């Protein structure tokens, strides 16, 4: 039979554990909120223009990066959610511009893969950017692709 003191001790431990858990949740929320953005990995397959419209319809943008830590965070999250998806559309296009003159919304552009961008693959014009978690022997590089190709994408939400 439990004594009142042992019940009280268990209750105090439970309260202390709950307080610690709440403090950790607050810290996690503060860290999340300090980023002022979040990446949403969308597994729907769309061409680059429709992916852009999809993100915009939720007041978001195709993923872009203002500094190296944002790009690193994207890759960290991408490795977690990627599974068998190797590449996703991100912000970056040369549509309506000179060939290989890519425009990115963010302040930095991701590193290009070896021999990229090419602007063309066979007869296909490549004017939109996908970011690869793995690309052949390379990891975490950008590749230009035909904008009509359907693939998953990532949106960026700013707070």
N, C-alpha and C. Protein backbone atom coordinates (compact mmCIF):
# COMPACT_ATOMS: atom_id res chain seq x y z
N UNK A 1 0.84 -1.17 0.00
CA UNK A 1 0.00 0.00 0.00
C UNK A 1 0.89 1.24 0.00
N UNK A 2 0.51 2.20 -0.83
CA UNK A 2 1.27 3.45 -0.92
C UNK A 2 0.94 4.36 0.25
N UNK A 3 1.98 4.96 0.75
CA UNK A 3 1.77 5.94 1.81
C UNK A 3 1.55 7.30 1.16
N UNK A 4 1.00 8.19 1.95
CA UNK A 4 0.78 9.55 1.43
C UNK A 4 2.08 10.20 0.99
N UNK A 5 3.17 9.94 1.72
CA UNK A 5 4.45 10.56 1.36
C UNK A 5 4.98 10.02 0.03
N UNK A 6 4.79 8.72 -0.23
CA UNK A 6 5.27 8.18 -1.52
C UNK A 6 4.41 8.69 -2.68
N UNK A 7 3.13 8.83 -2.46
CA UNK A 7 2.25 9.40 -3.49
C UNK A 7 2.63 10.84 -3.76
N UNK A 8 2.89 11.59 -2.70
CA UNK A 8 3.29 12.98 -2.83
C UNK A 8 4.62 13.10 -3.58
N UNK A 9 5.57 12.21 -3.28
CA UNK A 9 6.87 12.22 -3.95
C UNK A 9 6.69 11.96 -5.46
N UNK A 10 5.87 11.00 -5.82
CA UNK A 10 5.61 10.69 -7.23
C UNK A 10 4.95 11.87 -7.93
N UNK A 11 4.01 12.51 -7.26
CA UNK A 11 3.34 13.68 -7.84
C UNK A 11 4.33 14.82 -8.06
N UNK A 12 5.23 15.04 -7.09
CA UNK A 12 6.24 16.10 -7.24
C UNK A 12 7.17 15.80 -8.42
N UNK A 13 7.59 14.53 -8.55
CA UNK A 13 8.44 14.14 -9.68
C UNK A 13 7.72 14.35 -11.01
N UNK A 14 6.45 13.98 -11.03
CA UNK A 14 5.66 14.16 -12.25
C UNK A 14 5.55 15.63 -12.61
N UNK A 15 5.29 16.47 -11.64
CA UNK A 15 5.19 17.92 -11.88
C UNK A 15 6.53 18.46 -12.38
N UNK A 16 7.62 18.02 -11.75
CA UNK A 16 8.95 18.48 -12.18
C UNK A 16 9.23 18.05 -13.62
N UNK A 17 8.89 16.81 -13.97
CA UNK A 17 9.08 16.32 -15.34
C UNK A 17 8.25 17.13 -16.33
N UNK A 18 7.02 17.43 -15.95
CA UNK A 18 6.16 18.25 -16.82
C UNK A 18 6.72 19.65 -16.99
N UNK A 19 7.22 20.24 -15.90
CA UNK A 19 7.81 21.58 -15.99
C UNK A 19 9.02 21.58 -16.92
N UNK A 20 9.87 20.54 -16.80
CA UNK A 20 11.04 20.42 -17.68
C UNK A 20 10.61 20.27 -19.14
N UNK A 21 9.58 19.46 -19.37
CA UNK A 21 9.09 19.27 -20.73
C UNK A 21 8.54 20.57 -21.30
N UNK A 22 7.81 21.32 -20.49
CA UNK A 22 7.27 22.61 -20.94
C UNK A 22 8.40 23.58 -21.25
N UNK A 23 9.43 23.63 -20.40
CA UNK A 23 10.57 24.51 -20.67
C UNK A 23 11.25 24.15 -21.98
N UNK A 24 11.39 22.84 -22.25
CA UNK A 24 12.01 22.41 -23.50
C UNK A 24 11.15 22.80 -24.69
N UNK A 25 9.84 22.65 -24.58
CA UNK A 25 8.94 23.06 -25.66
C UNK A 25 9.04 24.55 -25.92
N UNK A 26 9.12 25.34 -24.87
CA UNK A 26 9.26 26.80 -25.03
C UNK A 26 10.56 27.12 -25.75
N UNK A 27 11.67 26.46 -25.36
CA UNK A 27 12.96 26.68 -26.04
C UNK A 27 12.86 26.30 -27.51
N UNK A 28 12.25 25.15 -27.79
CA UNK A 28 12.10 24.71 -29.18
C UNK A 28 11.28 25.72 -29.98
N UNK A 29 10.20 26.22 -29.39
CA UNK A 29 9.36 27.20 -30.08
C UNK A 29 10.14 28.49 -30.32
N UNK A 30 10.91 28.93 -29.32
CA UNK A 30 11.70 30.15 -29.49
C UNK A 30 12.73 29.98 -30.59
N UNK A 31 13.37 28.81 -30.66
CA UNK A 31 14.33 28.55 -31.73
C UNK A 31 13.65 28.55 -33.09
N UNK A 32 12.49 27.90 -33.16
CA UNK A 32 11.75 27.87 -34.42
C UNK A 32 11.34 29.28 -34.82
N UNK A 33 10.82 30.03 -33.88
CA UNK A 33 10.34 31.37 -34.16
C UNK A 33 11.48 32.32 -34.51
N UNK A 34 12.69 32.08 -33.99
CA UNK A 34 13.81 32.96 -34.30
C UNK A 34 14.22 32.85 -35.76
N UNK A 35 13.92 31.71 -36.40
CA UNK A 35 14.24 31.55 -37.81
C UNK A 35 13.40 32.47 -38.69
N UNK A 36 12.18 32.72 -38.30
CA UNK A 36 11.25 33.56 -39.04
C UNK A 36 10.87 32.99 -40.41
N UNK A 37 11.10 31.70 -40.59
CA UNK A 37 10.71 31.03 -41.83
C UNK A 37 10.59 29.54 -41.55
N UNK A 38 9.94 28.83 -42.46
CA UNK A 38 9.87 27.37 -42.39
C UNK A 38 9.83 26.84 -43.80
N UNK A 39 10.41 25.67 -44.00
CA UNK A 39 10.34 25.00 -45.29
C UNK A 39 9.25 23.94 -45.23
N UNK A 40 8.46 23.87 -46.29
CA UNK A 40 7.41 22.86 -46.42
C UNK A 40 7.76 22.00 -47.63
N UNK A 41 7.97 20.72 -47.40
CA UNK A 41 8.33 19.81 -48.47
C UNK A 41 7.05 19.17 -49.01
N UNK A 42 6.76 19.45 -50.27
CA UNK A 42 5.50 19.04 -50.89
C UNK A 42 5.80 17.88 -51.84
N UNK A 43 5.13 16.75 -51.63
CA UNK A 43 5.38 15.57 -52.44
C UNK A 43 4.47 15.45 -53.65
N UNK A 44 3.72 16.51 -53.96
CA UNK A 44 2.93 16.53 -55.20
C UNK A 44 3.89 16.77 -56.35
N UNK A 45 3.63 16.16 -57.48
CA UNK A 45 4.47 16.34 -58.66
C UNK A 45 3.85 17.41 -59.55
N UNK A 46 4.56 18.51 -59.74
CA UNK A 46 4.09 19.62 -60.56
C UNK A 46 5.25 20.17 -61.37
N UNK A 47 4.92 20.85 -62.48
CA UNK A 47 5.98 21.56 -63.18
C UNK A 47 6.36 22.79 -62.36
N UNK A 48 7.47 23.45 -62.75
CA UNK A 48 8.01 24.55 -61.95
C UNK A 48 7.00 25.68 -61.80
N UNK A 49 6.32 26.06 -62.90
CA UNK A 49 5.38 27.18 -62.84
C UNK A 49 4.18 26.86 -61.94
N UNK A 50 3.64 25.65 -62.04
CA UNK A 50 2.52 25.27 -61.17
C UNK A 50 2.96 25.12 -59.72
N UNK A 51 4.18 24.65 -59.49
CA UNK A 51 4.70 24.57 -58.12
C UNK A 51 4.81 25.97 -57.53
N UNK A 52 5.27 26.92 -58.33
CA UNK A 52 5.36 28.32 -57.89
C UNK A 52 3.98 28.84 -57.51
N UNK A 53 2.98 28.59 -58.37
CA UNK A 53 1.61 29.03 -58.10
C UNK A 53 1.06 28.36 -56.85
N UNK A 54 1.35 27.07 -56.68
CA UNK A 54 0.88 26.35 -55.49
C UNK A 54 1.41 27.01 -54.23
N UNK A 55 2.71 27.26 -54.17
CA UNK A 55 3.29 27.91 -52.99
C UNK A 55 2.66 29.29 -52.78
N UNK A 56 2.55 30.07 -53.86
CA UNK A 56 1.98 31.42 -53.76
C UNK A 56 0.54 31.39 -53.26
N UNK A 57 -0.22 30.34 -53.59
CA UNK A 57 -1.62 30.26 -53.16
C UNK A 57 -1.74 30.13 -51.64
N UNK A 58 -0.65 29.75 -50.98
CA UNK A 58 -0.62 29.67 -49.51
C UNK A 58 0.25 30.77 -48.92
N UNK A 59 0.42 31.86 -49.68
CA UNK A 59 1.27 32.98 -49.25
C UNK A 59 2.69 32.54 -48.93
N UNK A 60 3.19 31.60 -49.74
CA UNK A 60 4.57 31.12 -49.61
C UNK A 60 5.26 31.29 -50.97
N UNK A 61 6.51 30.92 -51.02
CA UNK A 61 7.32 30.99 -52.24
C UNK A 61 8.02 29.66 -52.41
N UNK A 62 8.43 29.34 -53.66
CA UNK A 62 9.33 28.21 -53.80
C UNK A 62 10.54 28.49 -52.91
N UNK A 63 11.11 27.45 -52.34
CA UNK A 63 12.19 27.60 -51.37
C UNK A 63 13.32 28.46 -51.92
N UNK A 64 13.78 29.38 -51.09
CA UNK A 64 14.95 30.20 -51.41
C UNK A 64 15.74 30.40 -50.13
N UNK A 65 16.93 30.98 -50.25
CA UNK A 65 17.86 31.04 -49.12
C UNK A 65 18.52 32.41 -49.07
N UNK A 66 18.51 33.00 -47.88
CA UNK A 66 19.14 34.30 -47.69
C UNK A 66 20.55 34.19 -47.11
N UNK A 67 20.91 33.03 -46.59
CA UNK A 67 22.26 32.85 -46.07
C UNK A 67 22.58 31.35 -46.01
N UNK A 68 23.84 31.06 -45.71
CA UNK A 68 24.30 29.67 -45.71
C UNK A 68 23.59 28.83 -44.65
N UNK A 69 23.27 29.42 -43.51
CA UNK A 69 22.61 28.62 -42.46
C UNK A 69 21.21 28.20 -42.90
N UNK A 70 20.51 29.02 -43.68
CA UNK A 70 19.20 28.62 -44.21
C UNK A 70 19.36 27.47 -45.20
N UNK A 71 20.37 27.55 -46.06
CA UNK A 71 20.62 26.47 -47.01
C UNK A 71 20.98 25.19 -46.27
N UNK A 72 21.82 25.30 -45.25
CA UNK A 72 22.19 24.13 -44.45
C UNK A 72 20.97 23.52 -43.77
N UNK A 73 20.08 24.37 -43.26
CA UNK A 73 18.85 23.88 -42.61
C UNK A 73 17.96 23.17 -43.62
N UNK A 74 17.86 23.73 -44.83
CA UNK A 74 17.08 23.08 -45.89
C UNK A 74 17.62 21.67 -46.14
N UNK A 75 18.94 21.56 -46.31
CA UNK A 75 19.52 20.25 -46.59
C UNK A 75 19.33 19.29 -45.41
N UNK A 76 19.45 19.78 -44.19
CA UNK A 76 19.25 18.93 -43.02
C UNK A 76 17.83 18.36 -43.02
N UNK A 77 16.85 19.23 -43.24
CA UNK A 77 15.45 18.79 -43.27
C UNK A 77 15.18 17.90 -44.48
N UNK A 78 15.77 18.25 -45.61
CA UNK A 78 15.57 17.48 -46.83
C UNK A 78 16.05 16.04 -46.66
N UNK A 79 17.17 15.86 -46.02
CA UNK A 79 17.68 14.50 -45.79
C UNK A 79 16.71 13.69 -44.93
N UNK A 80 16.01 14.36 -44.03
CA UNK A 80 15.05 13.67 -43.15
C UNK A 80 13.81 13.24 -43.93
N UNK A 81 13.29 14.13 -44.77
CA UNK A 81 12.00 13.87 -45.43
C UNK A 81 12.14 13.27 -46.82
N UNK A 82 13.34 13.23 -47.37
CA UNK A 82 13.52 12.88 -48.77
C UNK A 82 13.07 11.47 -49.12
N UNK A 83 13.43 10.49 -48.36
CA UNK A 83 13.17 9.09 -48.72
C UNK A 83 13.68 8.83 -50.13
N UNK A 84 12.83 8.46 -51.06
CA UNK A 84 13.28 8.14 -52.41
C UNK A 84 13.25 9.35 -53.35
N UNK A 85 12.86 10.50 -52.85
CA UNK A 85 12.84 11.71 -53.69
C UNK A 85 14.22 12.34 -53.63
N UNK A 86 14.87 12.45 -54.77
CA UNK A 86 16.23 12.98 -54.78
C UNK A 86 16.29 14.47 -55.06
N UNK A 87 15.33 15.01 -55.80
CA UNK A 87 15.40 16.43 -56.13
C UNK A 87 14.03 17.09 -56.00
N UNK A 88 14.07 18.40 -55.75
CA UNK A 88 12.85 19.19 -55.63
C UNK A 88 13.06 20.53 -56.30
N UNK A 89 11.97 21.05 -56.88
CA UNK A 89 12.03 22.40 -57.41
C UNK A 89 12.30 23.38 -56.27
N UNK A 90 13.11 24.37 -56.55
CA UNK A 90 13.28 25.51 -55.65
C UNK A 90 13.17 26.77 -56.50
N UNK A 91 13.19 27.93 -55.85
CA UNK A 91 13.18 29.19 -56.58
C UNK A 91 14.47 29.30 -57.38
N UNK A 92 14.36 29.77 -58.56
CA UNK A 92 15.53 29.96 -59.42
C UNK A 92 15.14 29.65 -60.85
N UNK A 93 15.25 30.64 -61.73
CA UNK A 93 14.88 30.44 -63.12
C UNK A 93 15.62 31.42 -64.02
N UNK A 94 15.76 31.01 -65.26
CA UNK A 94 16.28 31.93 -66.28
C UNK A 94 15.21 32.22 -67.32
N UNK A 95 13.95 31.83 -67.04
CA UNK A 95 12.86 32.06 -67.99
C UNK A 95 12.76 33.55 -68.30
N UNK A 96 12.71 33.89 -69.59
CA UNK A 96 12.58 35.28 -70.00
C UNK A 96 13.88 36.06 -69.86
N UNK A 97 14.99 35.38 -69.61
CA UNK A 97 16.28 36.03 -69.44
C UNK A 97 17.28 35.39 -70.41
N UNK A 98 18.48 35.91 -70.41
CA UNK A 98 19.51 35.30 -71.24
C UNK A 98 19.79 33.88 -70.75
N UNK A 99 20.17 33.03 -71.65
CA UNK A 99 20.49 31.64 -71.30
C UNK A 99 21.55 31.63 -70.18
N UNK A 100 21.32 30.82 -69.19
CA UNK A 100 22.21 30.63 -68.04
C UNK A 100 22.29 31.84 -67.12
N UNK A 101 21.40 32.82 -67.31
CA UNK A 101 21.34 33.99 -66.42
C UNK A 101 20.22 33.73 -65.41
N UNK A 102 20.55 33.02 -64.36
CA UNK A 102 19.54 32.59 -63.39
C UNK A 102 19.27 33.66 -62.35
N UNK A 103 18.00 33.83 -62.05
CA UNK A 103 17.56 34.78 -61.05
C UNK A 103 17.02 34.00 -59.86
N UNK A 104 17.52 34.31 -58.67
CA UNK A 104 17.06 33.68 -57.43
C UNK A 104 16.45 34.75 -56.54
N UNK A 105 15.37 34.41 -55.84
CA UNK A 105 14.73 35.34 -54.92
C UNK A 105 15.62 35.63 -53.72
N UNK A 106 16.30 34.61 -53.22
CA UNK A 106 17.14 34.75 -52.04
C UNK A 106 18.43 35.49 -52.30
N UNK A 107 19.15 35.77 -51.22
CA UNK A 107 20.41 36.51 -51.31
C UNK A 107 21.57 35.63 -51.74
N UNK A 108 21.42 34.31 -51.61
CA UNK A 108 22.46 33.41 -52.09
C UNK A 108 21.83 32.36 -52.99
N UNK A 109 22.63 31.81 -53.86
CA UNK A 109 22.17 30.71 -54.70
C UNK A 109 22.88 29.44 -54.22
N UNK A 110 22.22 28.31 -54.36
CA UNK A 110 22.84 27.06 -53.92
C UNK A 110 24.00 26.70 -54.85
N UNK A 111 24.91 25.85 -54.39
CA UNK A 111 26.03 25.45 -55.25
C UNK A 111 25.54 24.60 -56.41
N UNK A 112 26.06 24.87 -57.58
CA UNK A 112 25.70 24.08 -58.76
C UNK A 112 26.49 22.78 -58.75
N UNK A 113 25.88 21.75 -59.34
CA UNK A 113 26.59 20.49 -59.54
C UNK A 113 27.67 20.68 -60.60
N UNK A 114 28.58 19.72 -60.68
CA UNK A 114 29.63 19.78 -61.69
C UNK A 114 28.99 19.86 -63.08
N UNK A 115 29.54 20.70 -63.92
CA UNK A 115 29.07 20.89 -65.30
C UNK A 115 27.67 21.49 -65.36
N UNK A 116 27.22 22.13 -64.29
CA UNK A 116 25.91 22.77 -64.25
C UNK A 116 26.09 24.27 -64.03
N UNK A 117 25.22 25.11 -64.45
CA UNK A 117 24.06 24.80 -65.30
C UNK A 117 24.47 24.66 -66.76
N UNK A 118 23.67 23.93 -67.50
CA UNK A 118 23.95 23.75 -68.92
C UNK A 118 22.99 24.53 -69.80
N UNK A 119 21.77 24.73 -69.31
CA UNK A 119 20.77 25.45 -70.10
C UNK A 119 20.05 24.58 -71.10
N UNK A 120 20.57 23.38 -71.32
CA UNK A 120 19.95 22.49 -72.30
C UNK A 120 20.39 21.06 -72.03
N UNK A 121 19.45 20.12 -72.24
CA UNK A 121 19.76 18.70 -72.17
C UNK A 121 19.13 18.07 -73.40
N UNK A 122 19.95 17.66 -74.34
CA UNK A 122 19.42 17.19 -75.61
C UNK A 122 18.67 18.33 -76.27
N UNK A 123 17.42 18.09 -76.63
CA UNK A 123 16.61 19.13 -77.26
C UNK A 123 15.80 19.94 -76.23
N UNK A 124 15.88 19.56 -74.96
CA UNK A 124 15.11 20.26 -73.92
C UNK A 124 15.86 21.49 -73.41
N UNK A 125 15.16 22.61 -73.39
CA UNK A 125 15.70 23.83 -72.79
C UNK A 125 15.54 23.71 -71.28
N UNK A 126 16.59 24.01 -70.53
CA UNK A 126 16.56 23.93 -69.07
C UNK A 126 16.67 25.34 -68.49
N UNK A 127 15.56 25.81 -67.89
CA UNK A 127 15.52 27.17 -67.37
C UNK A 127 15.10 27.26 -65.91
N UNK A 128 14.85 26.13 -65.27
CA UNK A 128 14.40 26.15 -63.88
C UNK A 128 15.34 25.31 -63.02
N UNK A 129 15.34 25.60 -61.72
CA UNK A 129 16.33 25.01 -60.83
C UNK A 129 15.70 24.01 -59.86
N UNK A 130 16.33 22.85 -59.78
CA UNK A 130 15.99 21.84 -58.78
C UNK A 130 17.20 21.65 -57.87
N UNK A 131 16.92 21.36 -56.63
CA UNK A 131 17.99 21.13 -55.66
C UNK A 131 18.00 19.64 -55.33
N UNK A 132 19.15 19.03 -55.52
CA UNK A 132 19.32 17.60 -55.30
C UNK A 132 19.85 17.34 -53.90
N UNK A 133 19.26 16.37 -53.24
CA UNK A 133 19.86 15.87 -52.01
C UNK A 133 21.03 14.98 -52.40
N UNK A 134 20.84 14.16 -53.42
CA UNK A 134 21.93 13.40 -54.02
C UNK A 134 21.82 13.54 -55.53
N UNK A 135 22.95 13.66 -56.20
CA UNK A 135 22.97 13.83 -57.65
C UNK A 135 24.16 13.04 -58.16
N UNK A 136 23.92 11.76 -58.50
CA UNK A 136 25.03 10.92 -58.91
C UNK A 136 26.03 10.80 -57.77
N UNK A 137 27.23 11.21 -58.02
CA UNK A 137 28.28 11.13 -57.00
C UNK A 137 28.32 12.37 -56.11
N UNK A 138 27.52 13.37 -56.44
CA UNK A 138 27.52 14.61 -55.69
C UNK A 138 26.35 14.65 -54.71
N UNK A 139 26.51 15.43 -53.68
CA UNK A 139 25.43 15.64 -52.71
C UNK A 139 25.13 17.12 -52.60
N UNK A 140 23.85 17.44 -52.46
CA UNK A 140 23.40 18.79 -52.12
C UNK A 140 23.87 19.84 -53.12
N UNK A 141 23.43 19.66 -54.36
CA UNK A 141 23.79 20.60 -55.42
C UNK A 141 22.56 20.96 -56.25
N UNK A 142 22.67 22.08 -56.96
CA UNK A 142 21.59 22.54 -57.84
C UNK A 142 21.83 22.02 -59.26
N UNK A 143 20.74 21.87 -59.98
CA UNK A 143 20.78 21.42 -61.36
C UNK A 143 19.70 22.17 -62.12
N UNK A 144 20.02 22.62 -63.33
CA UNK A 144 18.98 23.24 -64.15
C UNK A 144 18.23 22.14 -64.89
N UNK A 145 16.92 22.35 -65.02
CA UNK A 145 16.06 21.34 -65.63
C UNK A 145 14.99 22.01 -66.47
N UNK A 146 14.36 21.23 -67.32
CA UNK A 146 13.25 21.73 -68.11
C UNK A 146 12.10 22.06 -67.17
N UNK A 147 11.55 23.25 -67.30
CA UNK A 147 10.50 23.74 -66.37
C UNK A 147 9.21 22.93 -66.44
N UNK A 148 8.99 22.22 -67.55
CA UNK A 148 7.76 21.44 -67.71
C UNK A 148 7.85 20.08 -67.01
N UNK A 149 9.02 19.71 -66.59
CA UNK A 149 9.18 18.43 -65.90
C UNK A 149 8.42 18.47 -64.58
N UNK A 150 7.74 17.39 -64.27
CA UNK A 150 6.95 17.33 -63.04
C UNK A 150 7.75 16.62 -61.96
N UNK A 151 7.86 17.32 -60.84
CA UNK A 151 8.56 16.74 -59.69
C UNK A 151 8.12 17.43 -58.42
N UNK A 152 8.46 16.88 -57.27
CA UNK A 152 8.09 17.51 -56.01
C UNK A 152 8.86 18.81 -55.82
N UNK A 153 8.51 19.55 -54.78
CA UNK A 153 9.10 20.87 -54.59
C UNK A 153 9.06 21.22 -53.12
N UNK A 154 9.67 22.33 -52.79
CA UNK A 154 9.66 22.83 -51.42
C UNK A 154 9.24 24.29 -51.42
N UNK A 155 8.37 24.64 -50.49
CA UNK A 155 7.93 26.03 -50.33
C UNK A 155 8.59 26.63 -49.09
N UNK A 156 8.72 27.93 -49.10
CA UNK A 156 9.24 28.65 -47.94
C UNK A 156 8.13 29.55 -47.41
N UNK A 157 7.87 29.44 -46.12
CA UNK A 157 6.89 30.30 -45.45
C UNK A 157 7.66 31.26 -44.56
N UNK A 158 7.40 32.54 -44.72
CA UNK A 158 8.02 33.56 -43.87
C UNK A 158 7.03 34.00 -42.80
N UNK A 159 7.53 34.24 -41.61
CA UNK A 159 6.68 34.66 -40.49
C UNK A 159 6.86 36.13 -40.22
